[in-house]
Amino acid sequence: MALTNAYLVTPKNLEAFLNAIRSAKAPERFSNRFLTQLDFSSSNDRLLIGVLKGLGFLDENSAPTQRYYDFLDQTESGRILADAIREAYGDLFAINKNAQDMTVDEVRNKLRTLTQGQKSENVLSLMANTFKALTGLADWEASSPEVASGSRKEAEDVAEPDIPPALEDLKQPTELERLQLHYKGALCKKEFAQ
């Protein structure tokens, strides 16, 4: 599972920041200089890069990932963000599949357990506030819990196989027929004592 350690000192600029990256040309590398070009020049704004890495929008070298590029599609960005949150906070969603609906206090208490008491109360509060700010900007209706561990494209590519009409009428095997074992042409039946 996963649990990002990234947090913001204050999430008040988060929505404006996400809107800014959706509107801007994607950089080759997401740097402090690029943040400044987006009008986020405060030292606290530098933490936004860590949050993007935690969400899988940037790789370890701060280069945009496919998730970042997918997020640029404004019709899909809410779903992409929700899927990224599910993945980044996978341990929290393992405890409560609707973790996005938890209160800040509930999130902080679960984070305390998940981090095994290794984070200060201040850091836990910042992590919980960041999580809640992120969840408030995501589209949970379009997101699917099953897709969080894999890509949505993979889920869409797996379709029900088409069954030819001639095969639709084939009889399903009975329970007894499923229990029969065929070995070198001989038929062996497993007997069950009742």
N, C-alpha and C. Protein backbone atom coordinates (compact mmCIF):
# COMPACT_ATOMS: atom_id res chain seq x y z
N MET A 1 0.83 -1.18 0.00
CA MET A 1 0.00 0.00 0.00
C MET A 1 0.88 1.25 0.00
N ALA A 2 0.26 2.38 0.27
CA ALA A 2 0.99 3.64 0.18
C ALA A 2 0.41 4.68 1.13
N LEU A 3 1.29 5.57 1.53
CA LEU A 3 0.86 6.73 2.30
C LEU A 3 1.90 7.82 2.09
N THR A 4 1.53 8.85 1.36
CA THR A 4 2.46 9.93 1.11
C THR A 4 2.70 10.73 2.38
N ASN A 5 3.93 11.18 2.55
CA ASN A 5 4.29 12.02 3.69
C ASN A 5 4.23 13.51 3.33
N ALA A 6 3.90 13.81 2.08
CA ALA A 6 3.87 15.20 1.62
C ALA A 6 2.69 15.94 2.24
N TYR A 7 2.92 17.20 2.57
CA TYR A 7 1.85 18.03 3.12
C TYR A 7 2.13 19.49 2.82
N LEU A 8 1.11 20.30 3.00
CA LEU A 8 1.23 21.75 2.82
C LEU A 8 1.09 22.43 4.17
N VAL A 9 1.78 23.54 4.35
CA VAL A 9 1.64 24.31 5.58
C VAL A 9 0.24 24.92 5.63
N THR A 10 -0.22 25.39 4.48
CA THR A 10 -1.58 25.88 4.36
C THR A 10 -2.11 25.49 2.99
N PRO A 11 -3.26 24.87 2.93
CA PRO A 11 -3.81 24.45 1.64
C PRO A 11 -4.64 25.52 0.93
N LYS A 12 -4.58 26.76 1.42
CA LYS A 12 -5.46 27.81 0.86
C LYS A 12 -5.20 28.08 -0.62
N ASN A 13 -3.98 27.86 -1.11
CA ASN A 13 -3.66 28.12 -2.51
C ASN A 13 -3.79 26.88 -3.40
N LEU A 14 -4.20 25.76 -2.81
CA LEU A 14 -4.20 24.50 -3.55
C LEU A 14 -5.08 24.53 -4.80
N GLU A 15 -6.30 25.01 -4.66
CA GLU A 15 -7.20 25.05 -5.81
C GLU A 15 -6.67 25.96 -6.90
N ALA A 16 -6.19 27.13 -6.53
CA ALA A 16 -5.61 28.06 -7.52
C ALA A 16 -4.39 27.45 -8.19
N PHE A 17 -3.59 26.72 -7.42
CA PHE A 17 -2.41 26.08 -7.96
C PHE A 17 -2.79 25.01 -8.99
N LEU A 18 -3.74 24.15 -8.65
CA LEU A 18 -4.15 23.10 -9.58
C LEU A 18 -4.76 23.70 -10.85
N ASN A 19 -5.51 24.78 -10.69
CA ASN A 19 -6.05 25.48 -11.86
C ASN A 19 -4.93 26.06 -12.72
N ALA A 20 -3.89 26.58 -12.07
CA ALA A 20 -2.77 27.18 -12.80
C ALA A 20 -2.01 26.13 -13.60
N ILE A 21 -1.78 24.95 -13.03
CA ILE A 21 -1.02 23.95 -13.80
C ILE A 21 -1.87 23.38 -14.94
N ARG A 22 -3.21 23.36 -14.76
CA ARG A 22 -4.07 22.91 -15.86
C ARG A 22 -4.05 23.89 -17.02
N SER A 23 -3.85 25.15 -16.72
CA SER A 23 -3.88 26.19 -17.75
C SER A 23 -2.52 26.45 -18.39
N ALA A 24 -1.46 26.08 -17.71
CA ALA A 24 -0.11 26.37 -18.19
C ALA A 24 0.43 25.25 -19.08
N LYS A 25 1.40 25.61 -19.88
CA LYS A 25 2.12 24.62 -20.67
C LYS A 25 2.94 23.76 -19.71
N ALA A 26 2.89 22.45 -19.88
CA ALA A 26 3.62 21.54 -18.99
C ALA A 26 5.13 21.76 -19.14
N PRO A 27 5.84 21.84 -18.02
CA PRO A 27 7.29 22.04 -18.09
C PRO A 27 8.01 20.70 -18.33
N GLU A 28 9.25 20.78 -18.77
CA GLU A 28 10.06 19.56 -18.87
C GLU A 28 10.38 19.06 -17.47
N ARG A 29 10.62 19.99 -16.57
CA ARG A 29 10.91 19.67 -15.18
C ARG A 29 10.19 20.70 -14.31
N PHE A 30 9.48 20.23 -13.31
CA PHE A 30 8.71 21.12 -12.45
C PHE A 30 9.64 21.63 -11.35
N SER A 31 10.04 22.88 -11.45
CA SER A 31 11.03 23.46 -10.53
C SER A 31 10.43 24.63 -9.75
N ASN A 32 11.21 25.13 -8.79
CA ASN A 32 10.79 26.32 -8.05
C ASN A 32 10.63 27.51 -9.00
N ARG A 33 11.45 27.56 -10.02
CA ARG A 33 11.36 28.63 -11.00
C ARG A 33 10.01 28.57 -11.73
N PHE A 34 9.59 27.35 -12.08
CA PHE A 34 8.30 27.19 -12.75
C PHE A 34 7.17 27.60 -11.80
N LEU A 35 7.30 27.26 -10.52
CA LEU A 35 6.31 27.69 -9.53
C LEU A 35 6.19 29.22 -9.52
N THR A 36 7.31 29.89 -9.55
CA THR A 36 7.33 31.35 -9.55
C THR A 36 6.65 31.90 -10.82
N GLN A 37 6.89 31.23 -11.95
CA GLN A 37 6.24 31.65 -13.20
C GLN A 37 4.72 31.51 -13.11
N LEU A 38 4.27 30.58 -12.27
CA LEU A 38 2.83 30.40 -12.07
C LEU A 38 2.28 31.34 -10.99
N ASP A 39 3.14 32.23 -10.47
CA ASP A 39 2.81 33.18 -9.40
C ASP A 39 2.65 32.52 -8.04
N PHE A 40 3.42 31.48 -7.79
CA PHE A 40 3.48 30.84 -6.48
C PHE A 40 4.93 30.93 -6.00
N SER A 41 5.25 32.08 -5.40
CA SER A 41 6.63 32.37 -5.05
C SER A 41 6.94 32.27 -3.56
N SER A 42 5.95 31.99 -2.74
CA SER A 42 6.17 31.86 -1.30
C SER A 42 7.00 30.61 -1.02
N SER A 43 7.78 30.65 0.04
CA SER A 43 8.56 29.47 0.41
C SER A 43 7.64 28.29 0.75
N ASN A 44 6.45 28.58 1.28
CA ASN A 44 5.48 27.52 1.57
C ASN A 44 4.98 26.85 0.29
N ASP A 45 4.97 27.60 -0.82
CA ASP A 45 4.49 27.05 -2.09
C ASP A 45 5.42 25.96 -2.61
N ARG A 46 6.66 25.95 -2.19
CA ARG A 46 7.61 24.93 -2.65
C ARG A 46 7.16 23.52 -2.25
N LEU A 47 6.37 23.45 -1.19
CA LEU A 47 5.86 22.15 -0.74
C LEU A 47 4.88 21.54 -1.75
N LEU A 48 4.35 22.37 -2.64
CA LEU A 48 3.43 21.87 -3.66
C LEU A 48 4.11 20.84 -4.56
N ILE A 49 5.41 20.99 -4.80
CA ILE A 49 6.14 20.04 -5.63
C ILE A 49 6.14 18.66 -4.97
N GLY A 50 6.35 18.62 -3.67
CA GLY A 50 6.31 17.35 -2.94
C GLY A 50 4.94 16.70 -3.00
N VAL A 51 3.89 17.52 -2.92
CA VAL A 51 2.54 16.98 -3.01
C VAL A 51 2.31 16.39 -4.40
N LEU A 52 2.76 17.08 -5.45
CA LEU A 52 2.62 16.55 -6.81
C LEU A 52 3.36 15.23 -6.97
N LYS A 53 4.54 15.13 -6.36
CA LYS A 53 5.29 13.87 -6.40
C LYS A 53 4.53 12.78 -5.65
N GLY A 54 3.99 13.12 -4.49
CA GLY A 54 3.22 12.16 -3.71
C GLY A 54 2.00 11.64 -4.45
N LEU A 55 1.40 12.50 -5.26
CA LEU A 55 0.22 12.12 -6.04
C LEU A 55 0.58 11.40 -7.34
N GLY A 56 1.86 11.31 -7.63
CA GLY A 56 2.28 10.64 -8.87
C GLY A 56 2.16 11.52 -10.10
N PHE A 57 2.06 12.84 -9.90
CA PHE A 57 2.01 13.77 -11.03
C PHE A 57 3.42 14.07 -11.54
N LEU A 58 4.41 13.91 -10.67
CA LEU A 58 5.81 14.14 -11.03
C LEU A 58 6.62 12.91 -10.62
N ASP A 59 7.68 12.62 -11.40
CA ASP A 59 8.56 11.53 -11.00
C ASP A 59 9.61 12.05 -10.01
N GLU A 60 10.55 11.21 -9.62
CA GLU A 60 11.55 11.61 -8.64
C GLU A 60 12.43 12.76 -9.11
N ASN A 61 12.56 12.94 -10.42
CA ASN A 61 13.35 14.03 -10.98
C ASN A 61 12.51 15.27 -11.27
N SER A 62 11.28 15.28 -10.77
CA SER A 62 10.33 16.39 -10.95
C SER A 62 9.86 16.57 -12.38
N ALA A 63 9.98 15.53 -13.19
CA ALA A 63 9.45 15.59 -14.55
C ALA A 63 7.98 15.15 -14.51
N PRO A 64 7.12 15.80 -15.28
CA PRO A 64 5.71 15.40 -15.31
C PRO A 64 5.54 13.96 -15.78
N THR A 65 4.61 13.26 -15.18
CA THR A 65 4.29 11.89 -15.56
C THR A 65 3.05 11.91 -16.45
N GLN A 66 2.66 10.74 -16.93
CA GLN A 66 1.44 10.65 -17.75
C GLN A 66 0.22 11.12 -16.96
N ARG A 67 0.21 10.87 -15.65
CA ARG A 67 -0.92 11.33 -14.82
C ARG A 67 -1.01 12.86 -14.86
N TYR A 68 0.12 13.54 -14.84
CA TYR A 68 0.14 15.01 -14.93
C TYR A 68 -0.51 15.44 -16.24
N TYR A 69 -0.09 14.80 -17.35
CA TYR A 69 -0.64 15.17 -18.66
C TYR A 69 -2.13 14.86 -18.74
N ASP A 70 -2.54 13.74 -18.15
CA ASP A 70 -3.97 13.40 -18.13
C ASP A 70 -4.77 14.43 -17.33
N PHE A 71 -4.16 14.95 -16.27
CA PHE A 71 -4.81 15.94 -15.41
C PHE A 71 -5.08 17.25 -16.17
N LEU A 72 -4.32 17.52 -17.20
CA LEU A 72 -4.49 18.76 -17.97
C LEU A 72 -5.83 18.80 -18.71
N ASP A 73 -6.43 17.63 -18.95
CA ASP A 73 -7.75 17.56 -19.58
C ASP A 73 -8.78 17.98 -18.53
N GLN A 74 -9.33 19.16 -18.67
CA GLN A 74 -10.20 19.72 -17.64
C GLN A 74 -11.49 18.92 -17.45
N THR A 75 -11.87 18.12 -18.44
CA THR A 75 -13.07 17.29 -18.28
C THR A 75 -12.76 16.03 -17.46
N GLU A 76 -11.49 15.69 -17.32
CA GLU A 76 -11.09 14.49 -16.60
C GLU A 76 -10.30 14.79 -15.33
N SER A 77 -9.92 16.04 -15.10
CA SER A 77 -8.99 16.36 -14.02
C SER A 77 -9.51 15.98 -12.63
N GLY A 78 -10.80 16.13 -12.38
CA GLY A 78 -11.36 15.77 -11.08
C GLY A 78 -11.24 14.28 -10.80
N ARG A 79 -11.49 13.46 -11.83
CA ARG A 79 -11.36 12.01 -11.69
C ARG A 79 -9.90 11.61 -11.54
N ILE A 80 -9.04 12.22 -12.32
CA ILE A 80 -7.61 11.91 -12.26
C ILE A 80 -7.09 12.23 -10.85
N LEU A 81 -7.51 13.37 -10.30
CA LEU A 81 -7.08 13.74 -8.95
C LEU A 81 -7.60 12.73 -7.93
N ALA A 82 -8.85 12.32 -8.04
CA ALA A 82 -9.41 11.35 -7.10
C ALA A 82 -8.64 10.03 -7.16
N ASP A 83 -8.35 9.56 -8.37
CA ASP A 83 -7.58 8.31 -8.51
C ASP A 83 -6.18 8.46 -7.91
N ALA A 84 -5.57 9.62 -8.11
CA ALA A 84 -4.23 9.87 -7.56
C ALA A 84 -4.26 9.89 -6.04
N ILE A 85 -5.30 10.48 -5.47
CA ILE A 85 -5.45 10.53 -4.00
C ILE A 85 -5.63 9.12 -3.45
N ARG A 86 -6.48 8.33 -4.11
CA ARG A 86 -6.69 6.94 -3.66
C ARG A 86 -5.38 6.17 -3.64
N GLU A 87 -4.55 6.41 -4.63
CA GLU A 87 -3.26 5.71 -4.70
C GLU A 87 -2.28 6.26 -3.67
N ALA A 88 -2.16 7.57 -3.59
CA ALA A 88 -1.19 8.20 -2.68
C ALA A 88 -1.51 7.92 -1.21
N TYR A 89 -2.78 7.80 -0.90
CA TYR A 89 -3.23 7.55 0.47
C TYR A 89 -3.87 6.16 0.56
N GLY A 90 -3.29 5.22 -0.14
CA GLY A 90 -3.84 3.86 -0.22
C GLY A 90 -4.06 3.22 1.14
N ASP A 91 -3.15 3.44 2.09
CA ASP A 91 -3.31 2.85 3.42
C ASP A 91 -4.54 3.41 4.13
N LEU A 92 -4.81 4.69 3.93
CA LEU A 92 -5.98 5.32 4.54
C LEU A 92 -7.27 4.77 3.92
N PHE A 93 -7.26 4.57 2.60
CA PHE A 93 -8.43 4.02 1.93
C PHE A 93 -8.61 2.53 2.23
N ALA A 94 -7.53 1.87 2.62
CA ALA A 94 -7.66 0.46 3.03
C ALA A 94 -8.42 0.36 4.36
N ILE A 95 -8.28 1.36 5.20
CA ILE A 95 -8.98 1.40 6.48
C ILE A 95 -10.44 1.79 6.27
N ASN A 96 -10.66 2.78 5.40
CA ASN A 96 -12.02 3.27 5.13
C ASN A 96 -12.12 3.57 3.64
N LYS A 97 -12.91 2.76 2.92
CA LYS A 97 -12.99 2.93 1.47
C LYS A 97 -13.55 4.28 1.06
N ASN A 98 -14.20 4.98 1.99
CA ASN A 98 -14.70 6.34 1.73
C ASN A 98 -13.94 7.33 2.60
N ALA A 99 -12.63 7.21 2.63
CA ALA A 99 -11.80 8.08 3.47
C ALA A 99 -12.00 9.55 3.13
N GLN A 100 -12.39 9.84 1.90
CA GLN A 100 -12.62 11.23 1.50
C GLN A 100 -13.75 11.87 2.30
N ASP A 101 -14.62 11.05 2.90
CA ASP A 101 -15.75 11.57 3.67
C ASP A 101 -15.44 11.72 5.17
N MET A 102 -14.26 11.29 5.58
CA MET A 102 -13.89 11.38 6.99
C MET A 102 -13.63 12.84 7.38
N THR A 103 -13.79 13.16 8.64
CA THR A 103 -13.48 14.50 9.13
C THR A 103 -11.98 14.65 9.27
N VAL A 104 -11.52 15.87 9.42
CA VAL A 104 -10.08 16.12 9.62
C VAL A 104 -9.58 15.39 10.86
N ASP A 105 -10.38 15.41 11.94
CA ASP A 105 -9.97 14.72 13.17
C ASP A 105 -9.87 13.22 12.96
N GLU A 106 -10.82 12.64 12.24
CA GLU A 106 -10.77 11.21 11.95
C GLU A 106 -9.54 10.86 11.11
N VAL A 107 -9.26 11.68 10.11
CA VAL A 107 -8.09 11.46 9.26
C VAL A 107 -6.82 11.55 10.10
N ARG A 108 -6.72 12.58 10.93
CA ARG A 108 -5.53 12.76 11.77
C ARG A 108 -5.31 11.54 12.68
N ASN A 109 -6.38 11.03 13.29
CA ASN A 109 -6.25 9.87 14.16
C ASN A 109 -5.81 8.62 13.39
N LYS A 110 -6.35 8.42 12.21
CA LYS A 110 -5.94 7.27 11.39
C LYS A 110 -4.49 7.42 10.93
N LEU A 111 -4.10 8.65 10.59
CA LEU A 111 -2.71 8.90 10.19
C LEU A 111 -1.75 8.64 11.35
N ARG A 112 -2.18 8.96 12.57
CA ARG A 112 -1.36 8.71 13.74
C ARG A 112 -1.04 7.21 13.85
N THR A 113 -2.07 6.40 13.62
CA THR A 113 -1.89 4.95 13.67
C THR A 113 -1.03 4.47 12.50
N LEU A 114 -1.32 4.95 11.31
CA LEU A 114 -0.60 4.50 10.11
C LEU A 114 0.87 4.89 10.14
N THR A 115 1.19 6.01 10.74
CA THR A 115 2.60 6.44 10.84
C THR A 115 3.25 5.90 12.10
N GLN A 116 2.53 5.06 12.82
CA GLN A 116 3.03 4.39 14.03
C GLN A 116 3.56 5.39 15.07
N GLY A 117 2.85 6.50 15.18
CA GLY A 117 3.21 7.49 16.19
C GLY A 117 4.52 8.21 15.93
N GLN A 118 5.05 8.15 14.72
CA GLN A 118 6.35 8.75 14.41
C GLN A 118 6.26 10.21 13.97
N LYS A 119 5.06 10.72 13.81
CA LYS A 119 4.89 12.13 13.38
C LYS A 119 4.35 12.95 14.54
N SER A 120 4.78 14.20 14.58
CA SER A 120 4.30 15.11 15.63
C SER A 120 2.83 15.46 15.36
N GLU A 121 2.16 15.98 16.38
CA GLU A 121 0.76 16.40 16.23
C GLU A 121 0.63 17.47 15.15
N ASN A 122 1.61 18.37 15.09
CA ASN A 122 1.58 19.43 14.08
C ASN A 122 1.65 18.84 12.67
N VAL A 123 2.57 17.92 12.44
CA VAL A 123 2.71 17.31 11.12
C VAL A 123 1.46 16.50 10.77
N LEU A 124 0.93 15.76 11.73
CA LEU A 124 -0.30 14.99 11.48
C LEU A 124 -1.45 15.91 11.08
N SER A 125 -1.55 17.05 11.74
CA SER A 125 -2.60 18.03 11.40
C SER A 125 -2.40 18.57 10.00
N LEU A 126 -1.16 18.87 9.64
CA LEU A 126 -0.87 19.39 8.30
C LEU A 126 -1.17 18.33 7.24
N MET A 127 -0.81 17.09 7.52
CA MET A 127 -1.10 15.99 6.58
C MET A 127 -2.61 15.82 6.41
N ALA A 128 -3.34 15.84 7.53
CA ALA A 128 -4.80 15.67 7.47
C ALA A 128 -5.46 16.83 6.73
N ASN A 129 -5.02 18.05 6.99
CA ASN A 129 -5.58 19.22 6.30
C ASN A 129 -5.29 19.17 4.80
N THR A 130 -4.09 18.72 4.44
CA THR A 130 -3.74 18.60 3.02
C THR A 130 -4.63 17.56 2.35
N PHE A 131 -4.79 16.42 3.02
CA PHE A 131 -5.64 15.36 2.49
C PHE A 131 -7.07 15.87 2.26
N LYS A 132 -7.63 16.53 3.26
CA LYS A 132 -9.00 17.03 3.14
C LYS A 132 -9.12 18.10 2.05
N ALA A 133 -8.11 18.94 1.91
CA ALA A 133 -8.15 19.97 0.86
C ALA A 133 -8.12 19.30 -0.52
N LEU A 134 -7.29 18.27 -0.66
CA LEU A 134 -7.21 17.55 -1.93
C LEU A 134 -8.53 16.85 -2.24
N THR A 135 -9.08 16.17 -1.24
CA THR A 135 -10.32 15.41 -1.49
C THR A 135 -11.48 16.34 -1.86
N GLY A 136 -11.45 17.56 -1.34
CA GLY A 136 -12.50 18.52 -1.66
C GLY A 136 -12.47 19.00 -3.10
N LEU A 137 -11.34 18.79 -3.78
CA LEU A 137 -11.19 19.24 -5.16
C LEU A 137 -11.34 18.11 -6.17
N ALA A 138 -11.48 16.89 -5.70
CA ALA A 138 -11.54 15.72 -6.58
C ALA A 138 -12.98 15.35 -6.92
N ASP A 139 -13.14 14.63 -8.00
CA ASP A 139 -14.46 14.16 -8.44
C ASP A 139 -14.60 12.69 -8.04
N TRP A 140 -15.23 12.45 -6.90
CA TRP A 140 -15.36 11.09 -6.36
C TRP A 140 -16.44 10.30 -7.06
N GLU A 141 -17.38 10.97 -7.70
CA GLU A 141 -18.44 10.26 -8.43
C GLU A 141 -17.88 9.57 -9.66
N ALA A 142 -16.92 10.22 -10.34
CA ALA A 142 -16.35 9.65 -11.56
C ALA A 142 -15.24 8.66 -11.26
N SER A 143 -14.66 8.73 -10.07
CA SER A 143 -13.55 7.86 -9.70
C SER A 143 -14.07 6.49 -9.27
N SER A 144 -13.24 5.50 -9.48
CA SER A 144 -13.62 4.14 -9.11
C SER A 144 -12.58 3.55 -8.17
N PRO A 145 -12.99 3.01 -7.03
CA PRO A 145 -12.02 2.42 -6.10
C PRO A 145 -11.23 1.28 -6.71
N GLU A 146 -11.82 0.54 -7.64
CA GLU A 146 -11.13 -0.58 -8.25
C GLU A 146 -10.02 -0.12 -9.17
N VAL A 147 -10.14 1.09 -9.70
CA VAL A 147 -9.17 1.58 -10.67
C VAL A 147 -7.93 2.14 -9.99
N ALA A 148 -8.00 2.44 -8.73
CA ALA A 148 -6.89 3.10 -8.05
C ALA A 148 -5.60 2.30 -8.10
N SER A 149 -5.67 0.99 -8.00
CA SER A 149 -4.45 0.20 -8.00
C SER A 149 -3.91 -0.03 -9.40
N GLY A 150 -4.72 0.12 -10.43
CA GLY A 150 -4.27 -0.03 -11.81
C GLY A 150 -4.70 1.18 -12.59
N SER A 151 -4.42 1.16 -13.86
CA SER A 151 -4.82 2.33 -14.64
C SER A 151 -6.25 2.17 -15.12
N ARG A 152 -6.94 3.27 -15.28
CA ARG A 152 -8.31 3.26 -15.76
C ARG A 152 -8.35 2.72 -17.18
N LYS A 153 -7.34 3.01 -17.97
CA LYS A 153 -7.30 2.54 -19.35
C LYS A 153 -7.30 1.02 -19.38
N GLU A 154 -6.50 0.40 -18.51
CA GLU A 154 -6.48 -1.06 -18.45
C GLU A 154 -7.86 -1.59 -18.12
N ALA A 155 -8.55 -0.94 -17.18
CA ALA A 155 -9.89 -1.38 -16.79
C ALA A 155 -10.87 -1.24 -17.95
N GLU A 156 -10.71 -0.17 -18.75
CA GLU A 156 -11.61 0.04 -19.87
C GLU A 156 -11.32 -0.95 -20.99
N ASP A 157 -10.04 -1.35 -21.15
CA ASP A 157 -9.66 -2.27 -22.21
C ASP A 157 -10.17 -3.68 -21.98
N VAL A 158 -10.42 -4.05 -20.74
CA VAL A 158 -10.91 -5.39 -20.43
C VAL A 158 -12.43 -5.37 -20.59
N ALA A 159 -12.90 -6.00 -21.64
CA ALA A 159 -14.34 -6.00 -21.92
C ALA A 159 -14.87 -7.42 -21.81
N GLU A 160 -16.15 -7.52 -21.63
CA GLU A 160 -16.80 -8.82 -21.62
C GLU A 160 -16.61 -9.44 -23.00
N PRO A 161 -16.21 -10.71 -23.06
CA PRO A 161 -16.05 -11.33 -24.37
C PRO A 161 -17.42 -11.52 -25.03
N ASP A 162 -17.45 -11.33 -26.34
CA ASP A 162 -18.68 -11.56 -27.09
C ASP A 162 -18.87 -13.05 -27.24
N ILE A 163 -20.05 -13.53 -26.89
CA ILE A 163 -20.37 -14.95 -27.02
C ILE A 163 -21.20 -15.11 -28.28
N PRO A 164 -20.70 -15.94 -29.19
CA PRO A 164 -21.48 -16.15 -30.42
C PRO A 164 -22.86 -16.70 -30.09
N PRO A 165 -23.89 -16.31 -30.84
CA PRO A 165 -25.25 -16.76 -30.55
C PRO A 165 -25.37 -18.28 -30.50
N ALA A 166 -24.61 -18.99 -31.31
CA ALA A 166 -24.70 -20.44 -31.33
C ALA A 166 -24.26 -21.05 -30.00
N LEU A 167 -23.39 -20.38 -29.25
CA LEU A 167 -22.87 -20.92 -28.00
C LEU A 167 -23.67 -20.47 -26.78
N GLU A 168 -24.52 -19.47 -26.94
CA GLU A 168 -25.29 -18.96 -25.81
C GLU A 168 -26.22 -20.01 -25.21
N ASP A 169 -26.70 -20.93 -26.05
CA ASP A 169 -27.65 -21.92 -25.60
C ASP A 169 -26.99 -23.14 -24.96
N LEU A 170 -25.66 -23.20 -24.97
CA LEU A 170 -24.99 -24.35 -24.37
C LEU A 170 -25.32 -24.44 -22.90
N LYS A 171 -25.56 -25.65 -22.47
CA LYS A 171 -25.94 -25.89 -21.08
C LYS A 171 -24.73 -25.69 -20.17
N GLN A 172 -24.94 -25.00 -19.05
CA GLN A 172 -23.88 -24.87 -18.04
C GLN A 172 -23.74 -26.20 -17.33
N PRO A 173 -22.52 -26.62 -16.98
CA PRO A 173 -22.35 -27.90 -16.30
C PRO A 173 -23.00 -27.87 -14.92
N THR A 174 -23.52 -29.02 -14.53
CA THR A 174 -24.10 -29.14 -13.20
C THR A 174 -22.96 -29.28 -12.20
N GLU A 175 -23.31 -29.21 -10.91
CA GLU A 175 -22.28 -29.33 -9.88
C GLU A 175 -21.56 -30.66 -9.97
N LEU A 176 -22.28 -31.73 -10.21
CA LEU A 176 -21.67 -33.05 -10.32
C LEU A 176 -20.73 -33.12 -11.52
N GLU A 177 -21.16 -32.53 -12.65
CA GLU A 177 -20.32 -32.55 -13.84
C GLU A 177 -19.03 -31.75 -13.62
N ARG A 178 -19.09 -30.70 -12.84
CA ARG A 178 -17.88 -29.92 -12.56
C ARG A 178 -16.92 -30.69 -11.68
N LEU A 179 -17.42 -31.62 -10.87
CA LEU A 179 -16.57 -32.38 -9.96
C LEU A 179 -15.94 -33.60 -10.63
N GLN A 180 -16.32 -33.91 -11.84
CA GLN A 180 -15.75 -35.07 -12.52
C GLN A 180 -14.33 -34.75 -12.96
N LEU A 181 -13.46 -35.72 -12.80
CA LEU A 181 -12.08 -35.60 -13.24
C LEU A 181 -11.85 -36.56 -14.38
N HIS A 182 -11.21 -36.11 -15.42
CA HIS A 182 -10.90 -36.96 -16.57
C HIS A 182 -9.40 -37.22 -16.56
N TYR A 183 -9.03 -38.51 -16.54
CA TYR A 183 -7.62 -38.88 -16.50
C TYR A 183 -7.38 -39.99 -17.50
N LYS A 184 -6.57 -39.73 -18.53
CA LYS A 184 -6.20 -40.68 -19.57
C LYS A 184 -7.42 -41.46 -20.07
N GLY A 185 -8.45 -40.73 -20.36
CA GLY A 185 -9.62 -41.34 -20.95
C GLY A 185 -10.56 -41.98 -19.94
N ALA A 186 -10.11 -42.19 -18.72
CA ALA A 186 -10.98 -42.80 -17.72
C ALA A 186 -11.72 -41.71 -16.97
N LEU A 187 -12.94 -41.99 -16.59
CA LEU A 187 -13.75 -41.02 -15.88
C LEU A 187 -13.75 -41.37 -14.40
N CYS A 188 -13.32 -40.45 -13.59
CA CYS A 188 -13.29 -40.66 -12.15
C CYS A 188 -14.26 -39.68 -11.52
N LYS A 189 -15.12 -40.18 -10.64
CA LYS A 189 -16.05 -39.31 -9.94
C LYS A 189 -15.70 -39.30 -8.47
N LYS A 190 -15.71 -38.15 -7.89
CA LYS A 190 -15.42 -38.02 -6.48
C LYS A 190 -16.73 -38.17 -5.72
N GLU A 191 -16.76 -39.11 -4.81
CA GLU A 191 -17.96 -39.37 -4.03
C GLU A 191 -17.92 -38.51 -2.77
N PHE A 192 -19.04 -38.00 -2.39
CA PHE A 192 -19.13 -37.21 -1.17
C PHE A 192 -20.07 -37.92 -0.21
N ALA A 193 -19.57 -38.15 1.00
CA ALA A 193 -20.42 -38.76 2.02
C ALA A 193 -21.33 -37.67 2.59
N GLN A 194 -22.57 -37.99 2.70
CA GLN A 194 -23.52 -37.00 3.22
C GLN A 194 -23.77 -37.23 4.67
